[in-house]
Amino acid sequence: TSDVRGVASGKCLDVSGFSQTDGANVQIWDCHGGVNQQWTSTDSSQLTVYGNKCLDARGGGTTNGTAVQIWSC
Protein backbone atom coordinates (compact mmCIF):
# COMPACT_ATOMS: atom_id res chain seq x y z
CA THR A 1 0.00 0.00 0.00
CA SER A 2 1.40 3.34 -1.03
CA ASP A 3 0.57 6.54 -2.80
CA VAL A 4 0.53 6.79 -6.58
CA ARG A 5 2.49 9.92 -7.39
CA GLY A 6 2.91 11.78 -10.67
CA VAL A 7 6.56 12.19 -11.64
CA ALA A 8 6.22 15.69 -13.08
CA SER A 9 3.47 17.06 -10.82
CA GLY A 10 4.42 15.37 -7.55
CA LYS A 11 0.66 15.11 -6.89
CA CYS A 12 -1.03 11.94 -5.63
CA LEU A 13 -3.96 9.92 -6.92
CA ASP A 14 -6.74 10.91 -4.50
CA VAL A 15 -10.37 9.89 -3.92
CA SER A 16 -12.27 13.16 -3.70
CA GLY A 17 -13.54 14.08 -0.24
CA PHE A 18 -12.44 10.75 1.32
CA SER A 19 -15.63 9.28 -0.19
CA GLN A 20 -16.08 5.50 -0.15
CA THR A 21 -19.22 5.60 -2.31
CA ASP A 22 -19.26 3.80 -5.66
CA GLY A 23 -18.81 6.41 -8.38
CA ALA A 24 -16.71 8.77 -6.25
CA ASN A 25 -14.37 10.89 -8.36
CA VAL A 26 -10.64 10.24 -8.45
CA GLN A 27 -8.36 13.24 -8.98
CA ILE A 28 -4.79 14.36 -8.42
CA TRP A 29 -4.19 16.29 -5.19
CA ASP A 30 -1.39 17.41 -2.94
CA CYS A 31 0.03 14.34 -1.19
CA HIS A 32 -0.96 14.15 2.48
CA GLY A 33 -0.79 10.43 3.31
CA GLY A 34 -4.53 10.03 3.91
CA VAL A 35 -6.32 6.70 3.47
CA ASN A 36 -7.91 8.11 0.31
CA GLN A 37 -4.43 8.20 -1.24
CA GLN A 38 -3.25 4.73 -0.19
CA TRP A 39 -3.46 2.39 -3.19
CA THR A 40 -2.64 -1.30 -3.49
CA SER A 41 -1.75 -3.10 -6.71
CA THR A 42 -3.41 -6.53 -6.75
CA ASP A 43 -2.09 -9.73 -8.33
CA SER A 44 -4.39 -9.01 -11.28
CA SER A 45 -2.83 -5.52 -11.67
CA GLN A 46 -5.87 -3.62 -10.38
CA LEU A 47 -5.42 -0.59 -8.16
CA THR A 48 -7.53 -0.70 -5.00
CA VAL A 49 -8.19 1.78 -2.22
CA TYR A 50 -10.00 1.28 1.13
CA GLY A 51 -9.39 -2.46 0.65
CA ASN A 52 -12.42 -3.13 -1.55
CA LYS A 53 -12.73 -0.28 -4.06
CA CYS A 54 -11.12 -0.53 -7.50
CA LEU A 55 -9.97 2.25 -9.80
CA ASP A 56 -12.60 2.19 -12.54
CA ALA A 57 -13.26 3.94 -15.86
CA ARG A 58 -16.52 5.90 -15.59
CA GLY A 59 -19.27 4.27 -17.64
CA GLY A 60 -16.89 1.55 -18.80
CA GLY A 61 -15.26 4.12 -21.06
CA THR A 62 -12.21 3.26 -23.14
CA THR A 63 -11.52 6.53 -24.96
CA ASN A 64 -8.84 9.08 -24.19
CA GLY A 65 -10.01 11.51 -21.52
CA THR A 66 -12.43 9.08 -19.85
CA ALA A 67 -12.94 10.11 -16.22
CA VAL A 68 -11.99 7.67 -13.47
CA GLN A 69 -13.79 6.79 -10.27
CA ILE A 70 -13.83 4.11 -7.58
CA TRP A 71 -16.20 1.16 -7.65
CA SER A 72 -16.65 -1.99 -5.58
CA CYS A 73 -14.27 -4.67 -6.83
Foldseek 3Di string as FASTA:
>chain_A
DAWDADPVPRWTFFFPPPDPDAPTFIDTDHDDPDQRRDWDQDPVRWIDGPVFWTWAFPPNDDDPPGTIHIHGD
